[in-house]
């Protein structure tokens, strides 16, 4: 947690009780694994084939654009 701005799912922080499995079950994204979110409503996910490019890379879904953008980094 970065002063409440960035939350890593399953991090074990006492104030974050959400788990990776519960959020991914709720999101129901095939071949994409949610791994974090931010305070403005964005989501970070690992592309497991959901998008046909940059498989294995981290993507960000900004609440204003609503398009997955590659962060060009591995998990």
Protein backbone atom coordinates (compact mmCIF):
# COMPACT_ATOMS: atom_id res chain seq x y z
CA UNK A 1 0.00 0.00 0.00
CA UNK A 2 1.41 3.39 -1.03
CA UNK A 3 -0.29 5.73 1.47
CA UNK A 4 -3.62 4.31 0.30
CA UNK A 5 -3.06 5.20 -3.36
CA UNK A 6 -1.94 1.80 -4.59
CA UNK A 7 -3.16 -1.54 -3.23
CA UNK A 8 -1.62 -4.88 -4.11
CA UNK A 9 -4.20 -7.66 -3.86
CA UNK A 10 -3.19 -10.43 -1.47
CA UNK A 11 -0.40 -8.33 0.05
CA UNK A 12 -1.28 -9.41 3.58
CA UNK A 13 -1.75 -5.87 4.89
CA UNK A 14 -4.17 -5.92 7.84
CA UNK A 15 -6.43 -3.22 6.39
CA UNK A 16 -6.70 -4.97 3.01
CA UNK A 17 -8.77 -8.09 3.39
CA UNK A 18 -9.43 -8.62 -0.33
CA UNK A 19 -7.71 -11.60 -1.91
CA UNK A 20 -6.47 -12.16 -5.44
CA UNK A 21 -8.84 -15.10 -5.92
CA UNK A 22 -11.95 -13.26 -4.66
CA UNK A 23 -11.38 -10.23 -6.88
CA UNK A 24 -10.60 -12.32 -9.93
CA UNK A 25 -13.70 -14.44 -9.39
CA UNK A 26 -15.75 -11.23 -9.21
CA UNK A 27 -14.05 -9.68 -12.27
CA UNK A 28 -14.49 -12.85 -14.36
CA UNK A 29 -11.72 -11.90 -16.79
CA UNK A 30 -10.61 -14.84 -18.86
CA UNK A 31 -6.82 -14.99 -19.22
CA UNK A 32 -6.23 -11.80 -17.22
CA UNK A 33 -5.28 -11.77 -13.52
CA UNK A 34 -6.05 -8.67 -11.45
CA UNK A 35 -3.09 -7.98 -9.15
CA UNK A 36 -3.61 -4.42 -7.83
CA UNK A 37 -5.78 -1.33 -7.95
CA UNK A 38 -5.38 2.35 -7.21
CA UNK A 39 -7.33 5.01 -5.38
CA UNK A 40 -8.75 6.60 -8.52
CA UNK A 41 -10.42 3.41 -9.75
CA UNK A 42 -7.74 1.96 -12.01
CA UNK A 43 -6.79 -1.71 -12.13
CA UNK A 44 -3.49 -3.49 -12.74
CA UNK A 45 -3.54 -6.95 -14.29
CA UNK A 46 -1.26 -9.62 -15.64
CA UNK A 47 -2.06 -10.50 -19.25
CA UNK A 48 -2.29 -14.26 -19.63
CA UNK A 49 -3.65 -14.13 -23.18
CA UNK A 50 -6.70 -11.88 -22.72
CA UNK A 51 -4.97 -9.44 -25.06
CA UNK A 52 -3.21 -11.05 -28.04
CA UNK A 53 0.02 -9.09 -27.48
CA UNK A 54 2.46 -8.56 -24.59
CA UNK A 55 1.47 -11.82 -22.89
CA UNK A 56 3.02 -12.02 -19.44
CA UNK A 57 3.20 -8.23 -19.08
CA UNK A 58 1.39 -5.92 -16.65
CA UNK A 59 -1.45 -3.76 -17.98
CA UNK A 60 -3.30 -0.82 -16.46
CA UNK A 61 -6.98 -0.03 -16.97
CA UNK A 62 -7.48 3.68 -16.33
CA UNK A 63 -11.00 4.70 -15.28
CA UNK A 64 -11.08 7.62 -17.72
CA UNK A 65 -9.88 5.78 -20.85
CA UNK A 66 -11.33 2.30 -20.12
CA UNK A 67 -8.66 0.70 -22.31
CA UNK A 68 -5.93 -1.66 -21.16
CA UNK A 69 -2.50 -0.08 -21.66
CA UNK A 70 0.75 -1.98 -21.36
CA UNK A 71 3.15 -0.83 -18.66
CA UNK A 72 5.88 -2.73 -20.53
CA UNK A 73 6.94 -4.56 -17.39
CA UNK A 74 6.82 -8.15 -16.19
CA UNK A 75 5.26 -9.22 -12.92
